[in-house]
Amino acid sequence: MRMQDKPIVSVIGLGLFSLSLVVHICFKSIRTTDDVGMGILLSLVNAIFLVFPLLWGVLGAVEFSRIMSWSEKIKEREVNEEVDLDKYKKKIKIYLCINVIYLLLVICQLGYVIYRWDEVNI
C-alpha cells in the first residue's frame, strides 16, 4: 500500500452495505403486499445483497492488514528519522477508522445472516 492510497475497498463496502440495507427494507415492506412477482424478485436481490457484502468483507480484512503494515513501516522509518510521523498520523487514524467501522458492520451483518438464515433463500 502506497502512503497516498485511500481505503477504497472499505468505502465501496460501506456503499454496498447501505444498498443492502435499502434493498432489505424494500423487501420487508413489499412482502406484506400481494404482488408475488415483485416479492420473488426482491427476495432474490435481498439474499444476494445480504451475502455479497460479506464476501466483500474479505477484501476489507486484507485492506486492514495492509493499513496496519503501512503504519508499522511508517513507525520504523520514523525511528530511523527518515520520516516525520506527525505528517501521517492523522491520515492513518482516518483510514483505520473507516476500515474498522466497515469491518464492524460486516461482523454485524454476518450475525444477522446467521441468525436469519431462513430468509436467505435464493
PDB file of N, CA and C in Angstrom:
ATOM      1  N   MET A   1       0.847  -1.175   0.000  1.00  0.00           N
ATOM      2  CA  MET A   1       0.000   0.000   0.000  1.00  0.00           C
ATOM      3  C   MET A   1       0.889   1.234   0.000  1.00  0.00           C
ATOM      4  N   ARG A   2       0.698   2.071  -0.965  1.00  0.00           N
ATOM      5  CA  ARG A   2       1.446   3.316  -1.000  1.00  0.00           C
ATOM      6  C   ARG A   2       0.887   4.250   0.050  1.00  0.00           C
ATOM      7  N   MET A   3       1.677   5.212   0.435  1.00  0.00           N
ATOM      8  CA  MET A   3       1.261   6.107   1.511  1.00  0.00           C
ATOM      9  C   MET A   3       0.095   6.994   1.124  1.00  0.00           C
ATOM     10  N   GLN A   4      -0.149   7.178  -0.145  1.00  0.00           N
ATOM     11  CA  GLN A   4      -1.262   8.034  -0.551  1.00  0.00           C
ATOM     12  C   GLN A   4      -2.506   7.227  -0.925  1.00  0.00           C
ATOM     13  N   ASP A   5      -2.454   5.905  -0.818  1.00  0.00           N
ATOM     14  CA  ASP A   5      -3.639   5.090  -1.098  1.00  0.00           C
ATOM     15  C   ASP A   5      -4.713   5.337  -0.055  1.00  0.00           C
ATOM     16  N   LYS A   6      -5.932   5.326  -0.507  1.00  0.00           N
ATOM     17  CA  LYS A   6      -7.075   5.521   0.381  1.00  0.00           C
ATOM     18  C   LYS A   6      -7.771   4.179   0.597  1.00  0.00           C
ATOM     19  N   PRO A   7      -8.547   4.039   1.666  1.00  0.00           N
ATOM     20  CA  PRO A   7      -9.244   2.775   1.929  1.00  0.00           C
ATOM     21  C   PRO A   7     -10.467   2.624   1.021  1.00  0.00           C
ATOM     22  N   ILE A   8     -10.235   2.502  -0.263  1.00  0.00           N
ATOM     23  CA  ILE A   8     -11.308   2.495  -1.256  1.00  0.00           C
ATOM     24  C   ILE A   8     -12.183   1.249  -1.120  1.00  0.00           C
ATOM     25  N   VAL A   9     -11.601   0.129  -0.741  1.00  0.00           N
ATOM     26  CA  VAL A   9     -12.379  -1.100  -0.576  1.00  0.00           C
ATOM     27  C   VAL A   9     -13.412  -0.910   0.539  1.00  0.00           C
ATOM     28  N   SER A  10     -13.014  -0.262   1.617  1.00  0.00           N
ATOM     29  CA  SER A  10     -13.938  -0.029   2.728  1.00  0.00           C
ATOM     30  C   SER A  10     -15.037   0.955   2.341  1.00  0.00           C
ATOM     31  N   VAL A  11     -14.691   1.969   1.568  1.00  0.00           N
ATOM     32  CA  VAL A  11     -15.697   2.941   1.132  1.00  0.00           C
ATOM     33  C   VAL A  11     -16.716   2.263   0.218  1.00  0.00           C
ATOM     34  N   ILE A  12     -16.238   1.435  -0.704  1.00  0.00           N
ATOM     35  CA  ILE A  12     -17.147   0.683  -1.572  1.00  0.00           C
ATOM     36  C   ILE A  12     -17.991  -0.280  -0.731  1.00  0.00           C
ATOM     37  N   GLY A  13     -17.374  -0.913   0.257  1.00  0.00           N
ATOM     38  CA  GLY A  13     -18.098  -1.821   1.141  1.00  0.00           C
ATOM     39  C   GLY A  13     -19.179  -1.116   1.937  1.00  0.00           C
ATOM     40  N   LEU A  14     -18.900   0.107   2.392  1.00  0.00           N
ATOM     41  CA  LEU A  14     -19.934   0.871   3.093  1.00  0.00           C
ATOM     42  C   LEU A  14     -21.094   1.192   2.160  1.00  0.00           C
ATOM     43  N   GLY A  15     -20.778   1.481   0.893  1.00  0.00           N
ATOM     44  CA  GLY A  15     -21.833   1.714  -0.094  1.00  0.00           C
ATOM     45  C   GLY A  15     -22.656   0.457  -0.335  1.00  0.00           C
ATOM     46  N   LEU A  16     -21.986  -0.689  -0.432  1.00  0.00           N
ATOM     47  CA  LEU A  16     -22.701  -1.961  -0.598  1.00  0.00           C
ATOM     48  C   LEU A  16     -23.583  -2.260   0.609  1.00  0.00           C
ATOM     49  N   PHE A  17     -23.072  -1.960   1.793  1.00  0.00           N
ATOM     50  CA  PHE A  17     -23.860  -2.192   2.993  1.00  0.00           C
ATOM     51  C   PHE A  17     -25.105  -1.299   2.986  1.00  0.00           C
ATOM     52  N   SER A  18     -24.934  -0.044   2.612  1.00  0.00           N
ATOM     53  CA  SER A  18     -26.082   0.870   2.542  1.00  0.00           C
ATOM     54  C   SER A  18     -27.097   0.388   1.518  1.00  0.00           C
ATOM     55  N   LEU A  19     -26.617  -0.059   0.365  1.00  0.00           N
ATOM     56  CA  LEU A  19     -27.507  -0.566  -0.672  1.00  0.00           C
ATOM     57  C   LEU A  19     -28.238  -1.821  -0.203  1.00  0.00           C
ATOM     58  N   SER A  20     -27.524  -2.703   0.508  1.00  0.00           N
ATOM     59  CA  SER A  20     -28.186  -3.914   1.010  1.00  0.00           C
ATOM     60  C   SER A  20     -29.233  -3.569   2.061  1.00  0.00           C
ATOM     61  N   LEU A  21     -28.981  -2.535   2.843  1.00  0.00           N
ATOM     62  CA  LEU A  21     -29.964  -2.097   3.829  1.00  0.00           C
ATOM     63  C   LEU A  21     -31.229  -1.570   3.155  1.00  0.00           C
ATOM     64  N   VAL A  22     -31.064  -0.782   2.090  1.00  0.00           N
ATOM     65  CA  VAL A  22     -32.219  -0.264   1.347  1.00  0.00           C
ATOM     66  C   VAL A  22     -33.000  -1.404   0.708  1.00  0.00           C
ATOM     67  N   VAL A  23     -32.311  -2.355   0.101  1.00  0.00           N
ATOM     68  CA  VAL A  23     -32.982  -3.497  -0.533  1.00  0.00           C
ATOM     69  C   VAL A  23     -33.717  -4.318   0.523  1.00  0.00           C
ATOM     70  N   HIS A  24     -33.097  -4.497   1.685  1.00  0.00           N
ATOM     71  CA  HIS A  24     -33.742  -5.285   2.742  1.00  0.00           C
ATOM     72  C   HIS A  24     -35.002  -4.591   3.251  1.00  0.00           C
ATOM     73  N   ILE A  25     -34.954  -3.279   3.399  1.00  0.00           N
ATOM     74  CA  ILE A  25     -36.146  -2.537   3.829  1.00  0.00           C
ATOM     75  C   ILE A  25     -37.242  -2.640   2.773  1.00  0.00           C
ATOM     76  N   CYS A  26     -36.867  -2.526   1.493  1.00  0.00           N
ATOM     77  CA  CYS A  26     -37.860  -2.678   0.418  1.00  0.00           C
ATOM     78  C   CYS A  26     -38.459  -4.082   0.430  1.00  0.00           C
ATOM     79  N   PHE A  27     -37.619  -5.086   0.655  1.00  0.00           N
ATOM     80  CA  PHE A  27     -38.098  -6.469   0.696  1.00  0.00           C
ATOM     81  C   PHE A  27     -39.078  -6.662   1.849  1.00  0.00           C
ATOM     82  N   LYS A  28     -38.766  -6.112   3.007  1.00  0.00           N
ATOM     83  CA  LYS A  28     -39.656  -6.254   4.155  1.00  0.00           C
ATOM     84  C   LYS A  28     -40.990  -5.537   3.919  1.00  0.00           C
ATOM     85  N   SER A  29     -40.934  -4.381   3.247  1.00  0.00           N
ATOM     86  CA  SER A  29     -42.175  -3.630   3.035  1.00  0.00           C
ATOM     87  C   SER A  29     -43.034  -4.237   1.924  1.00  0.00           C
ATOM     88  N   ILE A  30     -42.430  -4.805   0.894  1.00  0.00           N
ATOM     89  CA  ILE A  30     -43.204  -5.351  -0.235  1.00  0.00           C
ATOM     90  C   ILE A  30     -43.741  -6.740   0.112  1.00  0.00           C
ATOM     91  N   ARG A  31     -43.155  -7.393   1.116  1.00  0.00           N
ATOM     92  CA  ARG A  31     -43.592  -8.739   1.472  1.00  0.00           C
ATOM     93  C   ARG A  31     -45.021  -8.759   1.996  1.00  0.00           C
ATOM     94  N   THR A  32     -45.475  -7.625   2.472  1.00  0.00           N
ATOM     95  CA  THR A  32     -46.835  -7.580   3.010  1.00  0.00           C
ATOM     96  C   THR A  32     -47.889  -7.385   1.924  1.00  0.00           C
ATOM     97  N   THR A  33     -47.465  -7.027   0.708  1.00  0.00           N
ATOM     98  CA  THR A  33     -48.435  -6.829  -0.370  1.00  0.00           C
ATOM     99  C   THR A  33     -48.684  -8.148  -1.101  1.00  0.00           C
ATOM    100  N   ASP A  34     -49.608  -8.123  -2.059  1.00  0.00           N
ATOM    101  CA  ASP A  34     -49.984  -9.339  -2.777  1.00  0.00           C
ATOM    102  C   ASP A  34     -49.214  -9.548  -4.074  1.00  0.00           C
ATOM    103  N   ASP A  35     -48.268  -8.689  -4.410  1.00  0.00           N
ATOM    104  CA  ASP A  35     -47.518  -8.804  -5.663  1.00  0.00           C
ATOM    105  C   ASP A  35     -46.453  -9.891  -5.522  1.00  0.00           C
ATOM    106  N   VAL A  36     -46.762 -11.089  -6.007  1.00  0.00           N
ATOM    107  CA  VAL A  36     -45.894 -12.249  -5.839  1.00  0.00           C
ATOM    108  C   VAL A  36     -44.603 -12.110  -6.653  1.00  0.00           C
ATOM    109  N   GLY A  37     -44.713 -11.623  -7.878  1.00  0.00           N
ATOM    110  CA  GLY A  37     -43.534 -11.486  -8.737  1.00  0.00           C
ATOM    111  C   GLY A  37     -42.499 -10.547  -8.152  1.00  0.00           C
ATOM    112  N   MET A  38     -42.955  -9.412  -7.667  1.00  0.00           N
ATOM    113  CA  MET A  38     -42.039  -8.455  -7.058  1.00  0.00           C
ATOM    114  C   MET A  38     -41.446  -9.030  -5.773  1.00  0.00           C
ATOM    115  N   GLY A  39     -42.235  -9.793  -5.054  1.00  0.00           N
ATOM    116  CA  GLY A  39     -41.738 -10.421  -3.833  1.00  0.00           C
ATOM    117  C   GLY A  39     -40.632 -11.419  -4.108  1.00  0.00           C
ATOM    118  N   ILE A  40     -40.796 -12.220  -5.173  1.00  0.00           N
ATOM    119  CA  ILE A  40     -39.773 -13.200  -5.536  1.00  0.00           C
ATOM    120  C   ILE A  40     -38.498 -12.498  -5.995  1.00  0.00           C
ATOM    121  N   LEU A  41     -38.655 -11.478  -6.827  1.00  0.00           N
ATOM    122  CA  LEU A  41     -37.503 -10.735  -7.318  1.00  0.00           C
ATOM    123  C   LEU A  41     -36.753 -10.052  -6.170  1.00  0.00           C
ATOM    124  N   LEU A  42     -37.479  -9.401  -5.288  1.00  0.00           N
ATOM    125  CA  LEU A  42     -36.830  -8.739  -4.156  1.00  0.00           C
ATOM    126  C   LEU A  42     -36.233  -9.739  -3.174  1.00  0.00           C
ATOM    127  N   SER A  43     -36.824 -10.917  -3.075  1.00  0.00           N
ATOM    128  CA  SER A  43     -36.254 -11.958  -2.232  1.00  0.00           C
ATOM    129  C   SER A  43     -34.887 -12.385  -2.751  1.00  0.00           C
ATOM    130  N   LEU A  44     -34.776 -12.548  -4.056  1.00  0.00           N
ATOM    131  CA  LEU A  44     -33.504 -12.916  -4.663  1.00  0.00           C
ATOM    132  C   LEU A  44     -32.472 -11.806  -4.480  1.00  0.00           C
ATOM    133  N   VAL A  45     -32.856 -10.588  -4.780  1.00  0.00           N
ATOM    134  CA  VAL A  45     -31.931  -9.459  -4.646  1.00  0.00           C
ATOM    135  C   VAL A  45     -31.538  -9.265  -3.185  1.00  0.00           C
ATOM    136  N   ASN A  46     -32.492  -9.441  -2.275  1.00  0.00           N
ATOM    137  CA  ASN A  46     -32.201  -9.324  -0.848  1.00  0.00           C
ATOM    138  C   ASN A  46     -31.178 -10.370  -0.416  1.00  0.00           C
ATOM    139  N   ALA A  47     -31.357 -11.598  -0.847  1.00  0.00           N
ATOM    140  CA  ALA A  47     -30.416 -12.661  -0.482  1.00  0.00           C
ATOM    141  C   ALA A  47     -29.027 -12.392  -1.036  1.00  0.00           C
ATOM    142  N   ILE A  48     -28.966 -11.925  -2.264  1.00  0.00           N
ATOM    143  CA  ILE A  48     -27.668 -11.617  -2.864  1.00  0.00           C
ATOM    144  C   ILE A  48     -26.987 -10.477  -2.112  1.00  0.00           C
ATOM    145  N   PHE A  49     -27.765  -9.432  -1.798  1.00  0.00           N
ATOM    146  CA  PHE A  49     -27.176  -8.291  -1.113  1.00  0.00           C
ATOM    147  C   PHE A  49     -26.910  -8.544   0.370  1.00  0.00           C
ATOM    148  N   LEU A  50     -27.464  -9.590   0.938  1.00  0.00           N
ATOM    149  CA  LEU A  50     -27.086  -9.956   2.294  1.00  0.00           C
ATOM    150  C   LEU A  50     -25.787 -10.748   2.320  1.00  0.00           C
ATOM    151  N   VAL A  51     -25.514 -11.514   1.259  1.00  0.00           N
ATOM    152  CA  VAL A  51     -24.326 -12.363   1.237  1.00  0.00           C
ATOM    153  C   VAL A  51     -23.138 -11.673   0.561  1.00  0.00           C
ATOM    154  N   PHE A  52     -23.346 -10.935  -0.518  1.00  0.00           N
ATOM    155  CA  PHE A  52     -22.234 -10.341  -1.266  1.00  0.00           C
ATOM    156  C   PHE A  52     -21.376  -9.388  -0.439  1.00  0.00           C
ATOM    157  N   PRO A  53     -21.945  -8.475   0.365  1.00  0.00           N
ATOM    158  CA  PRO A  53     -21.074  -7.619   1.185  1.00  0.00           C
ATOM    159  C   PRO A  53     -20.240  -8.400   2.196  1.00  0.00           C
ATOM    160  N   LEU A  54     -20.723  -9.574   2.595  1.00  0.00           N
ATOM    161  CA  LEU A  54     -19.916 -10.402   3.489  1.00  0.00           C
ATOM    162  C   LEU A  54     -18.671 -10.916   2.772  1.00  0.00           C
ATOM    163  N   LEU A  55     -18.841 -11.288   1.498  1.00  0.00           N
ATOM    164  CA  LEU A  55     -17.691 -11.726   0.721  1.00  0.00           C
ATOM    165  C   LEU A  55     -16.738 -10.553   0.459  1.00  0.00           C
ATOM    166  N   TRP A  56     -17.315  -9.371   0.269  1.00  0.00           N
ATOM    167  CA  TRP A  56     -16.503  -8.168   0.071  1.00  0.00           C
ATOM    168  C   TRP A  56     -15.729  -7.839   1.348  1.00  0.00           C
ATOM    169  N   GLY A  57     -16.226  -8.294   2.496  1.00  0.00           N
ATOM    170  CA  GLY A  57     -15.547  -8.075   3.769  1.00  0.00           C
ATOM    171  C   GLY A  57     -14.176  -8.720   3.840  1.00  0.00           C
ATOM    172  N   VAL A  58     -13.954  -9.774   3.049  1.00  0.00           N
ATOM    173  CA  VAL A  58     -12.626 -10.390   2.985  1.00  0.00           C
ATOM    174  C   VAL A  58     -11.621  -9.362   2.450  1.00  0.00           C
ATOM    175  N   LEU A  59     -12.024  -8.621   1.433  1.00  0.00           N
ATOM    176  CA  LEU A  59     -11.149  -7.571   0.914  1.00  0.00           C
ATOM    177  C   LEU A  59     -10.927  -6.478   1.951  1.00  0.00           C
ATOM    178  N   GLY A  60     -11.949  -6.204   2.757  1.00  0.00           N
ATOM    179  CA  GLY A  60     -11.800  -5.230   3.837  1.00  0.00           C
ATOM    180  C   GLY A  60     -10.788  -5.687   4.874  1.00  0.00           C
ATOM    181  N   ALA A  61     -10.780  -6.980   5.178  1.00  0.00           N
ATOM    182  CA  ALA A  61      -9.801  -7.521   6.131  1.00  0.00           C
ATOM    183  C   ALA A  61      -8.389  -7.441   5.561  1.00  0.00           C
ATOM    184  N   VAL A  62      -8.248  -7.715   4.266  1.00  0.00           N
ATOM    185  CA  VAL A  62      -6.939  -7.589   3.617  1.00  0.00           C
ATOM    186  C   VAL A  62      -6.482  -6.132   3.648  1.00  0.00           C
ATOM    187  N   GLU A  63      -7.407  -5.228   3.395  1.00  0.00           N
ATOM    188  CA  GLU A  63      -7.070  -3.803   3.435  1.00  0.00           C
ATOM    189  C   GLU A  63      -6.658  -3.381   4.848  1.00  0.00           C
ATOM    190  N   PHE A  64      -7.316  -3.923   5.862  1.00  0.00           N
ATOM    191  CA  PHE A  64      -6.950  -3.623   7.243  1.00  0.00           C
ATOM    192  C   PHE A  64      -5.513  -4.054   7.517  1.00  0.00           C
ATOM    193  N   SER A  65      -5.156  -5.249   7.072  1.00  0.00           N
ATOM    194  CA  SER A  65      -3.784  -5.718   7.310  1.00  0.00           C
ATOM    195  C   SER A  65      -2.773  -4.859   6.550  1.00  0.00           C
ATOM    196  N   ARG A  66      -3.145  -4.386   5.364  1.00  0.00           N
ATOM    197  CA  ARG A  66      -2.242  -3.515   4.612  1.00  0.00           C
ATOM    198  C   ARG A  66      -2.075  -2.162   5.297  1.00  0.00           C
ATOM    199  N   ILE A  67      -3.150  -1.621   5.851  1.00  0.00           N
ATOM    200  CA  ILE A  67      -3.047  -0.346   6.561  1.00  0.00           C
ATOM    201  C   ILE A  67      -2.181  -0.511   7.811  1.00  0.00           C
ATOM    202  N   MET A  68      -2.351  -1.628   8.513  1.00  0.00           N
ATOM    203  CA  MET A  68      -1.539  -1.866   9.712  1.00  0.00           C
ATOM    204  C   MET A  68      -0.067  -2.033   9.358  1.00  0.00           C
ATOM    205  N   SER A  69       0.231  -2.748   8.274  1.00  0.00           N
ATOM    206  CA  SER A  69       1.642  -2.896   7.882  1.00  0.00           C
ATOM    207  C   SER A  69       2.216  -1.563   7.421  1.00  0.00           C
ATOM    208  N   TRP A  70       1.393  -0.753   6.753  1.00  0.00           N
ATOM    209  CA  TRP A  70       1.824   0.583   6.347  1.00  0.00           C
ATOM    210  C   TRP A  70       2.141   1.420   7.584  1.00  0.00           C
ATOM    211  N   SER A  71       1.305   1.320   8.599  1.00  0.00           N
ATOM    212  CA  SER A  71       1.520   2.058   9.843  1.00  0.00           C
ATOM    213  C   SER A  71       2.823   1.627  10.510  1.00  0.00           C
ATOM    214  N   GLU A  72       3.088   0.327  10.531  1.00  0.00           N
ATOM    215  CA  GLU A  72       4.327  -0.174  11.124  1.00  0.00           C
ATOM    216  C   GLU A  72       5.552   0.299  10.345  1.00  0.00           C
ATOM    217  N   LYS A  73       5.467   0.291   9.021  1.00  0.00           N
ATOM    218  CA  LYS A  73       6.594   0.758   8.209  1.00  0.00           C
ATOM    219  C   LYS A  73       6.872   2.238   8.447  1.00  0.00           C
ATOM    220  N   ILE A  74       5.811   3.013   8.598  1.00  0.00           N
ATOM    221  CA  ILE A  74       5.977   4.455   8.865  1.00  0.00           C
ATOM    222  C   ILE A  74       6.646   4.646  10.227  1.00  0.00           C
ATOM    223  N   LYS A  75       6.224   3.847  11.217  1.00  0.00           N
ATOM    224  CA  LYS A  75       6.831   3.962  12.551  1.00  0.00           C
ATOM    225  C   LYS A  75       8.305   3.576  12.520  1.00  0.00           C
ATOM    226  N   GLU A  76       8.644   2.537  11.753  1.00  0.00           N
ATOM    227  CA  GLU A  76      10.047   2.146  11.624  1.00  0.00           C
ATOM    228  C   GLU A  76      10.861   3.250  10.965  1.00  0.00           C
ATOM    229  N   ARG A  77      10.303   3.850   9.927  1.00  0.00           N
ATOM    230  CA  ARG A  77      11.008   4.930   9.240  1.00  0.00           C
ATOM    231  C   ARG A  77      11.126   6.163  10.125  1.00  0.00           C
ATOM    232  N   GLU A  78      10.156   6.355  11.028  1.00  0.00           N
ATOM    233  CA  GLU A  78      10.215   7.486  11.943  1.00  0.00           C
ATOM    234  C   GLU A  78      11.320   7.275  12.979  1.00  0.00           C
ATOM    235  N   VAL A  79      11.495   6.027  13.425  1.00  0.00           N
ATOM    236  CA  VAL A  79      12.566   5.715  14.372  1.00  0.00           C
ATOM    237  C   VAL A  79      13.923   5.969  13.722  1.00  0.00           C
ATOM    238  N   ASN A  80      14.038   5.646  12.446  1.00  0.00           N
ATOM    239  CA  ASN A  80      15.290   5.882  11.711  1.00  0.00           C
ATOM    240  C   ASN A  80      15.432   7.337  11.267  1.00  0.00           C
ATOM    241  N   GLU A  81      14.472   8.167  11.650  1.00  0.00           N
ATOM    242  CA  GLU A  81      14.443   9.595  11.343  1.00  0.00           C
ATOM    243  C   GLU A  81      14.418   9.884   9.837  1.00  0.00           C
ATOM    244  N   GLU A  82      13.779   9.001   9.081  1.00  0.00           N
ATOM    245  CA  GLU A  82      13.611   9.220   7.648  1.00  0.00           C
ATOM    246  C   GLU A  82      12.345  10.006   7.345  1.00  0.00           C
ATOM    247  N   VAL A  83      11.367   9.925   8.264  1.00  0.00           N
ATOM    248  CA  VAL A  83      10.043  10.481   8.021  1.00  0.00           C
ATOM    249  C   VAL A  83       9.519  11.102   9.311  1.00  0.00           C
ATOM    250  N   ASP A  84       8.703  12.141   9.178  1.00  0.00           N
ATOM    251  CA  ASP A  84       8.046  12.745  10.326  1.00  0.00           C
ATOM    252  C   ASP A  84       6.689  12.074  10.525  1.00  0.00           C
ATOM    253  N   LEU A  85       6.507  11.428  11.671  1.00  0.00           N
ATOM    254  CA  LEU A  85       5.288  10.653  11.941  1.00  0.00           C
ATOM    255  C   LEU A  85       4.049  11.538  12.035  1.00  0.00           C
ATOM    256  N   ASP A  86       4.204  12.768  12.506  1.00  0.00           N
ATOM    257  CA  ASP A  86       3.053  13.663  12.651  1.00  0.00           C
ATOM    258  C   ASP A  86       2.376  13.941  11.310  1.00  0.00           C
ATOM    259  N   LYS A  87       3.154  13.887  10.247  1.00  0.00           N
ATOM    260  CA  LYS A  87       2.601  14.131   8.910  1.00  0.00           C
ATOM    261  C   LYS A  87       1.585  13.059   8.514  1.00  0.00           C
ATOM    262  N   TYR A  88       1.810  11.822   8.949  1.00  0.00           N
ATOM    263  CA  TYR A  88       0.969  10.698   8.536  1.00  0.00           C
ATOM    264  C   TYR A  88       0.003  10.217   9.617  1.00  0.00           C
ATOM    265  N   LYS A  89       0.161  10.711  10.831  1.00  0.00           N
ATOM    266  CA  LYS A  89      -0.641  10.208  11.950  1.00  0.00           C
ATOM    267  C   LYS A  89      -2.143  10.395  11.731  1.00  0.00           C
ATOM    268  N   LYS A  90      -2.556  11.575  11.293  1.00  0.00           N
ATOM    269  CA  LYS A  90      -3.982  11.846  11.093  1.00  0.00           C
ATOM    270  C   LYS A  90      -4.547  10.987   9.954  1.00  0.00           C
ATOM    271  N   LYS A  91      -3.773  10.851   8.885  1.00  0.00           N
ATOM    272  CA  LYS A  91      -4.216  10.052   7.744  1.00  0.00           C
ATOM    273  C   LYS A  91      -4.397   8.588   8.138  1.00  0.00           C
ATOM    274  N   ILE A  92      -3.469   8.062   8.922  1.00  0.00           N
ATOM    275  CA  ILE A  92      -3.557   6.666   9.366  1.00  0.00           C
ATOM    276  C   ILE A  92      -4.788   6.467  10.240  1.00  0.00           C
ATOM    277  N   LYS A  93      -5.045   7.407  11.157  1.00  0.00           N
ATOM    278  CA  LYS A  93      -6.210   7.290  12.032  1.00  0.00           C
ATOM    279  C   LYS A  93      -7.519   7.313  11.247  1.00  0.00           C
ATOM    280  N   ILE A  94      -7.621   8.194  10.266  1.00  0.00           N
ATOM    281  CA  ILE A  94      -8.839   8.274   9.452  1.00  0.00           C
ATOM    282  C   ILE A  94      -9.039   6.989   8.668  1.00  0.00           C
ATOM    283  N   TYR A  95      -7.975   6.485   8.034  1.00  0.00           N
ATOM    284  CA  TYR A  95      -8.085   5.259   7.243  1.00  0.00           C
ATOM    285  C   TYR A  95      -8.459   4.075   8.121  1.00  0.00           C
ATOM    286  N   LEU A  96      -7.839   3.967   9.291  1.00  0.00           N
ATOM    287  CA  LEU A  96      -8.171   2.867  10.196  1.00  0.00           C
ATOM    288  C   LEU A  96      -9.600   2.987  10.716  1.00  0.00           C
ATOM    289  N   CYS A  97     -10.046   4.192  10.991  1.00  0.00           N
ATOM    290  CA  CYS A  97     -11.411   4.402  11.473  1.00  0.00           C
ATOM    291  C   CYS A  97     -12.430   3.945  10.422  1.00  0.00           C
ATOM    292  N   ILE A  98     -12.231   4.350   9.175  1.00  0.00           N
ATOM    293  CA  ILE A  98     -13.133   3.939   8.092  1.00  0.00           C
ATOM    294  C   ILE A  98     -13.141   2.423   7.956  1.00  0.00           C
ATOM    295  N   ASN A  99     -11.962   1.819   7.981  1.00  0.00           N
ATOM    296  CA  ASN A  99     -11.853   0.381   7.790  1.00  0.00           C
ATOM    297  C   ASN A  99     -12.458  -0.386   8.960  1.00  0.00           C
ATOM    298  N   VAL A 100     -12.218   0.052  10.189  1.00  0.00           N
ATOM    299  CA  VAL A 100     -12.755  -0.651  11.355  1.00  0.00           C
ATOM    300  C   VAL A 100     -14.276  -0.534  11.399  1.00  0.00           C
ATOM    301  N   ILE A 101     -14.815   0.636  11.060  1.00  0.00           N
ATOM    302  CA  ILE A 101     -16.273   0.785  11.002  1.00  0.00           C
ATOM    303  C   ILE A 101     -16.855  -0.197   9.995  1.00  0.00           C
ATOM    304  N   TYR A 102     -16.225  -0.305   8.833  1.00  0.00           N
ATOM    305  CA  TYR A 102     -16.714  -1.234   7.819  1.00  0.00           C
ATOM    306  C   TYR A 102     -16.642  -2.681   8.320  1.00  0.00           C
ATOM    307  N   LEU A 103     -15.533  -3.051   8.936  1.00  0.00           N
ATOM    308  CA  LEU A 103     -15.402  -4.429   9.411  1.00  0.00           C
ATOM    309  C   LEU A 103     -16.402  -4.738  10.532  1.00  0.00           C
ATOM    310  N   LEU A 104     -16.701  -3.771  11.388  1.00  0.00           N
ATOM    311  CA  LEU A 104     -17.725  -3.986  12.416  1.00  0.00           C
ATOM    312  C   LEU A 104     -19.100  -4.172  11.791  1.00  0.00           C
ATOM    313  N   LEU A 105     -19.407  -3.402  10.751  1.00  0.00           N
ATOM    314  CA  LEU A 105     -20.679  -3.587  10.056  1.00  0.00           C
ATOM    315  C   LEU A 105     -20.762  -4.960   9.393  1.00  0.00           C
ATOM    316  N   VAL A 106     -19.644  -5.427   8.840  1.00  0.00           N
ATOM    317  CA  VAL A 106     -19.620  -6.765   8.227  1.00  0.00           C
ATOM    318  C   VAL A 106     -19.870  -7.835   9.280  1.00  0.00           C
ATOM    319  N   ILE A 107     -19.285  -7.679  10.453  1.00  0.00           N
ATOM    320  CA  ILE A 107     -19.491  -8.653  11.527  1.00  0.00           C
ATOM    321  C   ILE A 107     -20.954  -8.644  11.981  1.00  0.00           C
ATOM    322  N   CYS A 108     -21.532  -7.450  12.109  1.00  0.00           N
ATOM    323  CA  CYS A 108     -22.954  -7.364  12.482  1.00  0.00           C
ATOM    324  C   CYS A 108     -23.838  -7.996  11.403  1.00  0.00           C
ATOM    325  N   GLN A 109     -23.516  -7.752  10.151  1.00  0.00           N
ATOM    326  CA  GLN A 109     -24.308  -8.328   9.063  1.00  0.00           C
ATOM    327  C   GLN A 109     -24.139  -9.843   9.023  1.00  0.00           C
ATOM    328  N   LEU A 110     -22.955 -10.327   9.309  1.00  0.00           N
ATOM    329  CA  LEU A 110     -22.738 -11.769   9.369  1.00  0.00           C
ATOM    330  C   LEU A 110     -23.594 -12.390  10.467  1.00  0.00           C
ATOM    331  N   GLY A 111     -23.648 -11.748  11.626  1.00  0.00           N
ATOM    332  CA  GLY A 111     -24.506 -12.232  12.707  1.00  0.00           C
ATOM    333  C   GLY A 111     -25.963 -12.246  12.295  1.00  0.00           C
ATOM    334  N   TYR A 112     -26.397 -11.204  11.589  1.00  0.00           N
ATOM    335  CA  TYR A 112     -27.786 -11.143  11.123  1.00  0.00           C
ATOM    336  C   TYR A 112     -28.081 -12.263  10.135  1.00  0.00           C
ATOM    337  N   VAL A 113     -27.151 -12.501   9.197  1.00  0.00           N
ATOM    338  CA  VAL A 113     -27.363 -13.555   8.194  1.00  0.00           C
ATOM    339  C   VAL A 113     -27.409 -14.923   8.864  1.00  0.00           C
ATOM    340  N   ILE A 114     -26.550 -15.155   9.843  1.00  0.00           N
ATOM    341  CA  ILE A 114     -26.564 -16.441  10.536  1.00  0.00           C
ATOM    342  C   ILE A 114     -27.858 -16.600  11.339  1.00  0.00           C
ATOM    343  N   TYR A 115     -28.269 -15.521  12.018  1.00  0.00           N
ATOM    344  CA  TYR A 115     -29.475 -15.582  12.834  1.00  0.00           C
ATOM    345  C   TYR A 115     -30.734 -15.753  11.988  1.00  0.00           C
ATOM    346  N   ARG A 116     -30.764 -15.129  10.824  1.00  0.00           N
ATOM    347  CA  ARG A 116     -31.941 -15.173   9.942  1.00  0.00           C
ATOM    348  C   ARG A 116     -31.655 -15.954   8.662  1.00  0.00           C
ATOM    349  N   TRP A 117     -30.979 -17.082   8.769  1.00  0.00           N
ATOM    350  CA  TRP A 117     -30.589 -17.843   7.585  1.00  0.00           C
ATOM    351  C   TRP A 117     -31.792 -18.282   6.762  1.00  0.00           C
ATOM    352  N   ASP A 118     -32.937 -18.481   7.385  1.00  0.00           N
ATOM    353  CA  ASP A 118     -34.121 -18.929   6.654  1.00  0.00           C
ATOM    354  C   ASP A 118     -34.625 -17.865   5.660  1.00  0.00           C
ATOM    355  N   GLU A 119     -34.292 -16.597   5.878  1.00  0.00           N
ATOM    356  CA  GLU A 119     -34.680 -15.542   4.926  1.00  0.00           C
ATOM    357  C   GLU A 119     -33.788 -15.533   3.700  1.00  0.00           C
ATOM    358  N   VAL A 120     -32.578 -16.047   3.835  1.00  0.00           N
ATOM    359  CA  VAL A 120     -31.617 -16.026   2.719  1.00  0.00           C
ATOM    360  C   VAL A 120     -31.817 -17.290   1.891  1.00  0.00           C
ATOM    361  N   ASN A 121     -32.888 -17.332   1.150  1.00  0.00           N
ATOM    362  CA  ASN A 121     -33.214 -18.493   0.313  1.00  0.00           C
ATOM    363  C   ASN A 121     -33.208 -18.077  -1.147  1.00  0.00           C
ATOM    364  N   ILE A 122     -32.132 -18.378  -1.805  1.00  0.00           N
ATOM    365  CA  ILE A 122     -32.000 -17.984  -3.215  1.00  0.00           C
ATOM    366  C   ILE A 122     -32.761 -18.960  -4.078  1.00  0.00           C
TER     367      ILE A 122
END
